[in-house]
Protein backbone atom coordinates (compact mmCIF):
# COMPACT_ATOMS: atom_id res chain seq x y z
CA MET A 1 229.61 53.12 270.62
CA VAL A 2 230.61 55.76 273.16
CA LEU A 3 228.95 55.09 276.51
CA GLN A 4 227.52 58.27 278.05
CA ILE A 5 227.34 57.89 281.82
CA ASN A 6 224.68 59.85 283.72
CA PRO A 7 224.91 61.13 287.31
CA TYR A 8 222.34 58.62 288.58
CA GLN A 9 224.51 55.58 287.78
CA PRO A 10 226.51 54.02 290.64
CA TYR A 11 230.18 53.25 290.24
CA GLN A 12 232.97 51.32 291.92
CA VAL A 13 236.73 51.52 291.38
CA LYS A 14 239.25 48.69 291.32
CA LEU A 15 242.44 50.29 292.59
CA GLY A 16 246.00 49.47 291.62
CA LEU A 17 249.31 50.06 293.31
CA PRO A 18 250.10 53.50 294.76
CA LEU A 19 251.67 55.88 292.27
CA SER A 20 255.35 56.61 292.65
CA PHE A 21 256.78 60.11 292.39
CA GLN A 22 258.20 59.35 288.94
CA GLN A 23 254.81 58.08 287.74
CA LEU A 24 253.15 61.26 288.97
CA GLN A 25 255.72 63.28 287.04
CA CYS A 26 255.08 61.22 283.94
CA LEU A 27 251.35 61.68 284.38
CA THR A 28 251.54 65.47 284.61
CA GLN A 29 254.37 66.15 282.16
CA LEU A 30 253.71 63.57 279.45
CA TYR A 31 250.05 62.50 279.69
CA GLN A 32 248.45 65.80 280.69
CA PRO A 33 249.24 67.70 277.45
CA ILE A 34 247.44 64.94 275.53
CA ILE A 35 244.39 64.21 277.70
CA GLY A 36 243.96 67.53 279.53
CA ALA A 37 243.88 68.62 283.17
CA ASP A 38 240.29 67.40 283.74
CA ALA A 39 241.26 63.85 282.79
CA VAL A 40 244.31 63.91 285.08
CA SER A 41 242.14 65.24 287.91
CA LEU A 42 239.61 62.46 287.35
CA TYR A 43 242.37 59.84 287.31
CA LEU A 44 243.92 61.02 290.58
CA THR A 45 240.50 61.33 292.23
CA LEU A 46 239.50 57.79 291.27
CA ALA A 47 242.90 56.44 292.27
CA HIS A 48 242.54 57.85 295.79
CA GLN A 49 238.95 56.88 296.63
CA PRO A 50 238.36 55.34 300.09
CA ARG A 51 238.78 51.58 300.10
CA GLU A 52 236.04 49.21 301.17
CA LYS A 53 238.00 46.03 300.54
CA LEU A 54 241.59 45.30 299.60
CA ASN A 55 241.46 46.69 296.04
CA TRP A 56 237.88 47.99 295.77
CA THR A 57 236.29 51.30 296.74
CA TYR A 58 232.83 51.85 298.14
CA ARG A 59 229.90 51.74 295.71
CA THR A 60 228.44 55.25 295.29
CA MET A 61 226.70 57.49 292.76
CA HIS A 62 228.41 59.60 290.11
CA SER A 63 226.37 62.57 291.35
CA ARG A 64 228.53 62.61 294.50
CA LEU A 65 231.73 62.54 292.47
CA LEU A 66 230.88 65.49 290.20
CA PRO A 67 230.95 68.21 292.94
CA VAL A 68 234.34 66.91 294.10
CA LEU A 69 235.69 67.26 290.57
CA ASN A 70 233.89 70.60 290.08
CA MET A 71 232.71 69.56 286.62
CA GLY A 72 229.49 68.62 284.90
CA ILE A 73 228.53 65.23 283.54
CA GLY A 74 229.50 66.28 280.00
CA ASP A 75 233.03 67.25 281.03
CA PHE A 76 233.23 64.09 283.13
CA ASN A 77 232.42 61.87 280.15
CA GLN A 78 235.00 63.66 277.99
CA ALA A 79 237.67 63.22 280.66
CA ARG A 80 236.77 59.56 281.10
CA ILE A 81 236.98 58.92 277.35
CA HIS A 82 240.45 60.48 277.21
CA LEU A 83 241.64 58.28 280.07
CA GLU A 84 240.31 55.21 278.28
CA ALA A 85 242.03 56.23 275.05
CA VAL A 86 245.49 56.30 276.66
CA ASN A 87 244.80 53.14 278.70
CA LEU A 88 244.87 54.78 282.12
CA ILE A 89 241.49 53.31 283.04
CA ARG A 90 239.29 50.53 281.73
CA THR A 91 235.52 50.89 282.02
CA TYR A 92 232.99 48.09 282.42
CA ARG A 93 229.19 48.05 282.65
CA ASP A 94 227.49 45.53 284.97
CA GLU A 95 224.54 44.34 282.89
CA LYS A 96 223.14 42.27 285.78
CA SER A 97 222.88 45.20 288.18
CA HIS A 98 219.83 46.75 286.45
CA ASP A 99 217.62 46.12 283.42
CA ASP A 100 217.90 49.75 282.31
CA TYR A 101 221.41 50.35 281.01
CA THR A 102 221.25 53.99 282.19
CA ARG A 103 221.03 52.69 285.78
CA GLN A 104 223.62 49.93 285.60
CA THR A 105 226.70 49.98 287.82
CA ILE A 106 229.96 51.16 286.23
CA PHE A 107 233.29 49.58 287.21
CA TYR A 108 236.56 51.47 286.70
CA GLU A 109 239.80 49.50 286.66
CA MET A 110 242.81 51.74 287.24
CA GLN A 111 245.88 51.25 285.03
CA MET A 112 249.39 52.41 285.83
CA PRO A 113 251.02 55.10 283.67
CA LEU A 114 253.77 54.02 281.33
CA SER A 115 257.34 54.55 282.33
CA VAL A 116 259.12 57.45 280.67
CA GLU A 117 261.10 55.14 278.38
CA HIS A 118 258.03 53.20 277.27
CA PHE A 119 256.11 56.43 276.74
CA PHE A 120 258.73 57.99 274.43
CA LYS A 121 259.06 54.71 272.53
CA HIS A 122 255.32 54.29 272.15
CA PRO A 123 254.47 55.35 268.57
CA GLN A 124 251.02 56.83 269.20
CA LEU A 125 251.52 58.50 272.58
CA SER A 126 254.87 60.05 271.66
CA LEU A 127 253.42 61.32 268.39
CA ALA A 128 250.38 62.81 270.11
CA LEU A 129 252.64 64.59 272.62
CA PHE A 130 254.88 65.82 269.81
CA ASN A 131 251.94 67.34 267.94
CA GLN A 132 250.51 68.88 271.08
CA ILE A 133 253.55 70.66 272.53
CA GLY A 134 255.73 71.09 269.43
CA ASP A 135 259.20 69.91 268.54
CA GLU A 136 261.14 72.31 270.79
CA SER A 137 259.28 71.37 273.97
CA TYR A 138 259.25 67.70 272.99
CA TYR A 139 263.04 67.50 272.58
CA GLY A 140 263.41 69.56 275.75
CA LEU A 141 261.47 66.90 277.67
CA ILE A 142 263.71 64.19 276.24
CA ARG A 143 266.77 66.07 277.45
CA LEU A 144 265.22 66.51 280.92
CA TRP A 145 264.43 62.82 281.23
CA LYS A 146 267.70 61.64 279.72
CA LYS A 147 269.83 59.64 282.13
CA GLU A 148 272.98 61.53 282.99
CA ASP A 149 276.27 59.72 282.50
CA LEU A 150 278.38 60.09 285.63
CA GLY A 151 281.59 59.64 283.70
CA GLN A 152 284.47 57.32 284.47
CA THR A 153 287.28 59.74 285.26
CA ALA A 154 287.66 59.16 288.99
CA LEU A 155 284.84 56.76 289.75
CA SER A 156 285.24 53.15 290.74
CA GLU A 157 282.06 51.05 290.77
CA ILE A 158 281.39 49.15 293.98
CA THR A 159 277.94 47.79 293.11
CA LEU A 160 277.47 44.29 294.49
CA PRO A 161 275.95 41.53 292.33
CA PHE A 162 272.76 39.63 293.22
CA ALA A 163 274.52 36.43 294.34
CA GLU A 164 276.55 38.26 296.97
CA VAL A 165 273.51 39.98 298.48
CA ILE A 166 270.65 37.49 298.14
CA ASN A 167 271.21 34.04 299.66
CA ALA A 168 269.52 31.85 297.03
CA LYS A 169 270.39 28.20 296.82
CA SER A 170 271.10 26.82 293.42
CA GLU A 171 268.62 24.01 293.12
CA ASN A 172 268.15 22.87 289.55
CA PHE A 173 265.01 20.84 290.25
CA ARG A 174 263.34 23.92 291.77
CA ARG A 175 264.24 26.01 288.71
CA SER A 176 262.65 23.50 286.35
CA GLU A 177 259.57 23.35 288.55
CA LEU A 178 259.20 27.13 288.52
CA PHE A 179 259.70 27.25 284.77
CA GLU A 180 256.96 24.67 284.20
CA ALA A 181 254.58 26.63 286.43
CA THR A 182 254.76 29.69 284.16
CA GLU A 183 255.06 27.97 280.82
CA GLY A 184 252.19 28.70 278.43
CA ILE A 185 250.56 31.30 280.69
CA GLN A 186 249.79 34.78 279.32
CA PHE A 187 250.27 37.34 282.07
CA GLN A 188 248.48 40.68 282.17
CA ASP A 189 250.72 43.30 280.63
CA GLN A 190 249.74 46.94 280.62
CA TYR A 191 251.91 47.50 277.55
CA SER A 192 250.39 44.68 275.52
CA ASN A 193 247.67 46.90 274.04
CA PHE A 194 250.30 49.12 272.45
CA GLU A 195 252.02 46.46 270.38
CA LEU A 196 251.57 46.50 266.64
CA ASP A 197 248.66 44.49 265.36
CA GLU A 198 250.29 43.30 262.14
CA ASP A 199 247.18 41.60 260.78
CA ASN A 200 245.07 44.72 261.19
CA PHE A 201 247.87 46.90 259.85
CA GLN A 202 248.37 44.76 256.74
CA ASP A 203 244.65 44.81 256.00
CA ARG A 204 244.70 48.56 255.45
CA PHE A 205 248.35 49.06 254.51
CA ASP A 206 249.94 47.07 251.67
CA LEU A 207 253.44 46.32 252.91
CA SER A 208 254.57 44.59 249.72
CA PHE A 209 253.57 47.63 247.66
CA PHE A 210 255.24 49.88 250.24
CA TYR A 211 258.52 47.96 249.96
CA GLN A 212 258.36 48.16 246.15
CA ILE A 213 258.08 51.95 246.34
CA LEU A 214 261.00 52.04 248.81
CA ALA A 215 263.11 49.96 246.43
CA SER A 216 262.42 52.43 243.61
CA LYS A 217 263.72 55.16 245.93
CA GLN A 218 266.91 53.20 246.72
CA VAL A 219 265.87 52.42 250.31
CA ALA A 220 266.73 48.86 251.32
CA LYS A 221 264.07 46.74 253.00
CA GLU A 222 266.61 45.65 255.64
CA LEU A 223 266.67 49.22 256.99
CA ILE A 224 263.03 48.93 258.12
CA SER A 225 263.43 47.54 261.63
CA GLN A 226 260.55 46.56 263.90
CA ALA A 227 260.71 49.92 265.70
CA VAL A 228 260.60 51.78 262.37
CA LEU A 229 257.70 49.61 261.18
CA ASN A 230 255.77 50.36 264.38
CA GLN A 231 256.33 54.04 263.83
CA ILE A 232 255.23 53.78 260.20
CA ALA A 233 252.04 52.00 261.23
CA SER A 234 251.21 54.67 263.81
CA LEU A 235 252.00 57.61 261.53
CA SER A 236 250.11 56.21 258.56
CA GLN A 237 247.02 55.75 260.71
CA PHE A 238 247.28 59.08 262.54
CA TYR A 239 247.86 61.23 259.44
CA GLU A 240 245.94 58.95 257.04
CA LEU A 241 248.97 58.56 254.77
CA ASP A 242 248.97 55.88 252.08
CA GLU A 243 251.88 53.65 251.02
CA GLU A 244 253.33 56.15 248.55
CA ALA A 245 253.20 59.03 251.05
CA MET A 246 254.84 56.97 253.80
CA ALA A 247 257.59 55.84 251.42
CA GLN A 248 258.33 59.49 250.69
CA VAL A 249 258.44 60.26 254.43
CA VAL A 250 260.83 57.33 255.04
CA LYS A 251 263.10 58.55 252.26
CA LEU A 252 263.24 62.04 253.81
CA ALA A 253 263.99 60.57 257.26
CA GLN A 254 266.94 58.51 255.98
CA SER A 255 270.35 59.75 257.06
CA PRO A 256 272.58 60.52 254.06
CA VAL A 257 275.65 59.34 255.99
CA THR A 258 274.61 56.20 257.88
CA GLN A 259 271.57 55.41 255.67
CA GLN A 260 269.60 54.63 258.85
CA ILE A 261 266.00 55.77 259.39
CA ASP A 262 265.69 58.39 262.13
CA LEU A 263 262.51 57.90 264.19
CA GLU A 264 262.35 61.55 265.20
CA LEU A 265 262.64 62.69 261.57
CA LEU A 266 259.88 60.25 260.67
CA ARG A 267 257.51 62.05 263.04
CA THR A 268 258.61 65.48 261.82
CA TYR A 269 258.24 64.78 258.10
CA ALA A 270 254.98 62.88 258.56
CA ALA A 271 253.51 65.92 260.34
CA LYS A 272 254.70 68.22 257.55
CA TYR A 273 253.69 65.93 254.71
CA GLN A 274 249.98 66.39 255.39
CA TYR A 275 250.26 69.94 254.08
CA PHE A 276 251.51 68.68 250.73
CA LYS A 277 248.78 66.15 250.16
CA LYS A 278 246.42 66.70 247.30
CA ARG A 279 243.53 68.94 248.30
CA GLU A 280 241.04 67.68 245.73
CA TYR A 281 240.01 64.69 247.82
CA TYR A 282 239.48 66.74 250.96
CA ASP A 283 237.67 69.50 249.10
CA GLN A 284 235.38 66.86 247.68
CA LEU A 285 234.70 65.51 251.17
CA VAL A 286 233.95 69.01 252.43
CA ASP A 287 231.58 69.67 249.55
CA GLN A 288 229.78 66.39 250.16
CA SER A 289 229.49 67.15 253.87
CA VAL A 290 228.13 70.65 253.21
CA LYS A 291 225.69 69.29 250.64
CA ALA A 292 224.49 66.62 253.06
CA SER A 293 224.05 69.16 255.84
CA HIS A 294 222.06 71.43 253.50
CA GLU A 295 219.82 68.53 252.52
CA GLU A 296 219.22 67.60 256.16
CA LEU A 297 218.34 71.20 257.02
CA ALA A 298 216.00 71.43 254.03
CA ASN A 299 214.22 68.24 255.08
CA LEU A 300 213.95 69.42 258.65
CA LYS A 301 212.63 72.78 257.50
CA ASN A 302 209.96 71.11 255.38
CA ASP A 303 208.95 68.90 258.31
CA LEU A 304 208.57 71.96 260.54
CA LYS A 305 206.41 73.74 257.97
CA THR A 306 204.23 70.65 257.63
CA ASN A 307 203.83 69.94 261.35
CA TYR A 308 203.62 73.59 262.44
CA PRO A 309 201.92 75.58 259.67
CA SER A 310 201.36 78.58 261.96
CA PHE A 311 205.11 79.19 262.37
CA THR A 312 206.66 82.03 260.39
CA ASP A 313 209.84 81.63 258.33
CA GLN A 314 211.77 83.60 260.93
CA GLU A 315 210.59 81.32 263.73
CA ILE A 316 211.58 78.22 261.73
CA GLU A 317 215.06 79.66 261.14
CA ILE A 318 215.50 80.26 264.87
CA ILE A 319 214.46 76.67 265.60
CA LEU A 320 217.02 75.34 263.08
CA ILE A 321 219.78 77.50 264.58
CA CYS A 322 218.92 76.28 268.09
CA GLN A 323 219.32 72.68 266.95
CA GLN A 324 222.79 73.25 265.44
CA MET A 325 224.69 75.17 268.14
CA ASN A 326 225.78 74.30 271.66
CA PRO A 327 224.30 76.48 274.45
CA SER A 328 227.53 78.29 275.35
CA GLU A 329 228.21 79.41 271.77
CA PHE A 330 224.54 80.26 271.28
CA LEU A 331 224.54 82.48 274.39
CA ASN A 332 227.64 84.31 273.17
CA GLN A 333 226.11 84.84 269.73
CA ILE A 334 222.75 86.07 271.07
CA LYS A 335 224.37 88.54 273.48
CA GLU A 336 226.65 89.80 270.72
CA GLU A 337 223.70 90.29 268.36
CA ALA A 338 221.89 92.15 271.15
CA GLY A 339 224.84 94.54 271.43
CA GLY A 340 226.31 93.13 274.64
CA PHE A 341 228.46 90.25 275.81
CA ALA A 342 227.90 87.09 277.84
CA THR A 343 229.27 87.32 281.37
CA SER A 344 230.86 84.53 283.37
CA SER A 345 227.80 84.47 285.65
CA GLU A 346 225.50 83.88 282.69
CA HIS A 347 227.66 81.00 281.48
CA TYR A 348 227.64 79.55 285.00
CA TYR A 349 223.83 79.74 285.26
CA LEU A 350 223.53 78.10 281.83
CA LYS A 351 225.97 75.35 282.83
CA GLU A 352 223.90 74.70 285.97
CA LEU A 353 220.78 74.31 283.85
CA ILE A 354 222.54 71.86 281.53
CA GLU A 355 223.64 69.75 284.49
CA LYS A 356 220.46 69.86 286.58
CA SER A 357 217.67 69.84 284.00
CA ARG A 358 216.78 67.09 281.56
CA LEU A 359 215.94 69.54 278.80
CA PRO A 360 217.79 69.00 275.50
CA GLN A 361 220.43 71.56 274.58
CA ALA A 362 218.33 72.79 271.65
CA VAL A 363 215.47 73.63 274.06
CA LEU A 364 217.91 75.45 276.35
CA ASN A 365 219.10 77.45 273.34
CA PHE A 366 215.53 78.49 272.64
CA LEU A 367 215.12 79.40 276.32
CA VAL A 368 218.09 81.77 275.96
CA TYR A 369 216.54 83.26 272.82
CA TYR A 370 213.15 83.67 274.48
CA LEU A 371 214.50 85.47 277.54
CA ILE A 372 216.97 87.80 275.81
CA VAL A 373 215.28 88.47 272.44
CA MET A 374 211.55 87.85 272.86
CA GLU A 375 211.17 89.13 276.43
CA GLY A 376 213.96 91.70 276.06
CA HIS A 377 215.95 90.92 279.21
CA ALA A 378 219.44 92.39 279.26
CA ASN A 379 220.95 89.34 280.99
CA PHE A 380 220.33 85.62 281.27
CA GLU A 381 219.10 85.65 284.87
CA LYS A 382 219.10 82.66 287.20
CA GLY A 383 215.66 83.01 288.77
CA ARG A 384 213.62 83.55 285.61
CA SER A 385 215.54 80.92 283.62
CA ASN A 386 215.19 78.31 286.37
CA ARG A 387 211.42 78.88 286.66
CA LEU A 388 210.89 78.57 282.92
CA ALA A 389 213.17 75.53 282.59
CA ASN A 390 211.34 73.84 285.47
CA GLU A 391 207.97 74.56 283.85
CA TRP A 392 209.11 73.36 280.41
CA GLN A 393 210.57 70.17 281.86
CA GLN A 394 207.34 69.41 283.73
CA VAL A 395 205.35 69.95 280.52
CA GLY A 396 207.73 67.57 278.70
CA LEU A 397 209.12 69.79 275.93
CA SER A 398 211.66 67.89 273.85
CA ASN A 399 212.56 70.30 271.02
CA PRO A 400 212.43 74.05 270.23
CA ALA A 401 209.34 73.65 268.02
CA GLU A 402 207.33 72.26 270.93
CA ALA A 403 208.60 75.08 273.14
CA LEU A 404 207.51 77.73 270.62
CA GLU A 405 204.09 76.10 270.18
CA PHE A 406 203.72 76.00 273.97
CA LEU A 407 204.44 79.76 274.13
CA HIS A 408 201.91 80.44 271.35
CA LYS A 409 199.22 78.54 273.26
CA GLN A 410 200.05 80.46 276.43
CA ARG A 411 199.77 83.77 274.56
CA LEU A 412 196.41 82.84 272.99
CA PHE A 413 195.10 81.75 276.38
CA LYS A 414 196.15 85.05 277.96
CA GLU A 415 194.56 87.04 275.11
CA LYS A 416 191.31 85.11 275.51
CA GLN A 417 191.33 85.69 279.27
CA SER A 418 192.01 89.39 278.68
CA LYS A 419 189.05 89.68 276.28
CA ILE A 420 186.78 87.96 278.79
CA LYS A 421 187.89 90.38 281.50
CA ASP A 422 187.36 93.40 279.21
CA LYS A 423 183.87 92.18 278.33
CA GLN A 424 183.03 91.65 281.98
CA LYS A 425 184.35 95.11 282.81
CA ALA A 426 182.26 96.73 280.04
CA GLN A 427 179.14 94.88 281.20
CA SER A 428 179.79 95.96 284.75
CA SER A 429 180.16 99.61 283.67
CA LYS A 430 176.90 99.43 281.72
CA ASN A 431 175.03 97.99 284.71
CA ASN A 432 176.42 100.70 286.97
CA TRP A 433 175.25 103.42 284.55
CA THR A 434 171.73 101.92 284.37
CA ASN A 435 171.45 101.73 288.11
CA LYS A 436 172.66 105.30 288.41
CA LYS A 437 170.02 106.47 285.91
CA LYS A 438 167.26 104.72 287.80
CA TYR A 439 168.45 106.28 290.99
CA GLN A 440 168.40 109.77 289.43
CA GLU A 441 164.79 109.36 288.28
CA LEU A 442 163.57 108.80 291.85
CA VAL A 443 163.60 112.52 292.79
CA PRO A 444 161.25 113.79 295.56
CA SER A 445 158.51 116.23 294.55
CA TRP A 446 159.68 118.89 296.94
CA LEU A 447 163.14 118.76 295.33
CA LYS A 448 161.58 119.20 291.88
CA GLU A 449 159.72 122.32 293.09
CA GLN A 450 162.99 123.83 294.31
CA GLN A 451 164.74 122.96 291.03
CA ASN A 452 161.89 124.37 288.78
CA PRO A 453 159.81 126.92 290.72
CA LYS A 454 158.26 128.51 287.59
CA ALA A 455 156.78 125.24 286.37
CA THR A 456 155.51 124.50 289.84
CA SER A 457 153.76 127.88 290.18
CA GLN A 458 152.07 127.50 286.79
CA GLU A 459 150.90 124.01 287.72
CA ASN A 460 149.46 125.25 291.00
CA ALA A 461 147.68 128.16 289.29
CA SER A 462 145.97 125.93 286.77
CA SER A 463 144.89 123.42 289.38
CA LYS A 464 143.20 125.97 291.77
CA PRO A 465 139.84 127.77 290.97
CA VAL A 466 140.06 131.44 289.95
CA GLU A 467 138.80 133.92 292.59
CA THR A 468 137.85 137.45 291.54
CA ASN A 469 138.16 138.88 294.98
CA GLY A 470 140.70 138.62 297.66
CA LYS A 471 144.17 137.16 297.69
CA ASN A 472 143.87 134.91 294.63
CA ALA A 473 142.91 137.71 292.32
CA LEU A 474 145.72 139.80 293.63
CA SER A 475 148.22 136.99 293.10
CA LYS A 476 146.99 136.39 289.55
CA GLU A 477 147.34 140.02 288.70
CA ILE A 478 150.82 140.11 290.14
CA ASP A 479 151.77 137.05 288.09
CA ASP A 480 150.29 138.43 284.87
CA ASP A 481 152.03 141.70 285.34
CA SER A 482 155.34 140.00 285.97
CA ILE A 483 154.93 137.75 282.90
CA ASP A 484 154.11 140.68 280.65
CA LYS A 485 157.18 142.53 281.74
CA GLY A 486 159.38 139.52 281.42
CA ALA A 487 160.39 139.81 285.03
CA LYS A 488 161.91 137.02 287.06
CA PRO A 489 159.77 134.84 289.36
CA SER A 490 158.47 136.51 292.51
CA SER A 491 160.64 134.40 294.76
CA GLN A 492 163.69 135.93 293.13
CA LEU A 493 162.55 139.66 293.28
CA LYS A 494 163.81 142.05 295.80
CA GLU A 495 161.64 142.91 298.73
CA GLU A 496 161.30 146.66 297.82
CA GLU A 497 160.18 145.92 294.26
CA ILE A 498 157.48 143.57 295.50
CA ARG A 499 156.23 146.25 297.94
CA LYS A 500 156.00 148.92 295.21
CA ARG A 501 153.99 146.65 292.94
CA LEU A 502 151.58 145.90 295.72
CA GLU A 503 151.06 149.62 296.39
CA ASN A 504 150.32 150.28 292.73
CA LEU A 505 147.72 147.56 292.66
CA LEU A 506 146.05 148.91 295.76
CA ASN A 507 145.85 152.44 294.29
CA LYS A 508 144.17 151.13 291.16
CA GLY A 509 141.54 149.41 293.32
CA GLU A 510 140.60 152.62 295.11
CA ASP A 511 140.04 154.44 291.87
């Protein structure tokens, strides 16, 4: 099981001896192509932590180490795993430090890099370097690290032996005492992990059958030395080659002149032989894997339809896509589908969210989809994404389906609130109109008379008693005459017209 360390776990480093210049060269030239620059950076950073005691550093949190390395916890775990694979560090978990394993203290024990000679003779490391940098660069490194022969033309060696330099008394009883002190003791050896485990190798690789195939190919068993056997074990495991395939590789690596097996040719032909293996087995594995993945997606799709019946088929497809892709690839794909491209700033903001938030990557994928597709933002912005991620984390969303359901509930709540506001606004408008109508009905009587003088005059005429003589009779006659002629009310006649009518009435009275 791969242990995933989180930033909240403390750690402590057990340091080794200081690295020599040659070891640093070996680390950067030989190890780095295999494990990557992040792993080398992590190794050097751990190896140079401040010391609290003789060989131990101070106990601190991983969260303080990550900014120094300028990497997230995911990259840190990958770098750590690579260092463990090549035996540059050993990792231990202190189970007594905390009940929760995610809070337990981690101890790192630094291991020294192999010497150049041991590295090139190591079957797995040399093969991994060969496959990483290619044959030309690999043989170029061998030539660079090859010890130069000074020649013997005009050189006379003056090197002094040990006995002439070191004054050591020859005491036989002391020698026997020292020999007895070390007899039967197994010392720690950093190269011991790289020796061939013959029992494990023979369990998965039938040596007797392998030698029988070699004999049929006229390759003597005596030619398979321990170094060749170590190389065969490493190559067969790395390339997953069976006994028959490895026998063919050994035959190709045999020199036609000396009949010896060339270790370099073994690596070369083993790397090439994988392209000539039968494809039926691998095609079958691929088909089975695709079939299994389709079945898992179908089951997951059915579960989503059962648990979330309100989701559309398009929404379910988006949820499935979010659960299958990593956030960086998902961001690139979404921006490309939207007609744009993901910028370095957007990737940086997304990486910050992955490191700081506890939201699963599938939920972060749906966050990207929501901001760019559903809300229509042109870019994945820091402020809006941080606010939403903070809200979703506080709510406790653990998968894209929960996030989508949460958004649906928010939308329904907003629609309900909007309807309530519209209803309140309509009721308020109705009340205002009613109040305005009541206000308009309360009109003073004098204002009504000014607005409708004709109706007022008729009302006054009917309410007063008729007088045959005097002013009332004259007014009635004037009104009757004006009504018969269809004239306008007296208040609207000109002053001259009123005077003429009065004169006519007076003349009729005299007659």
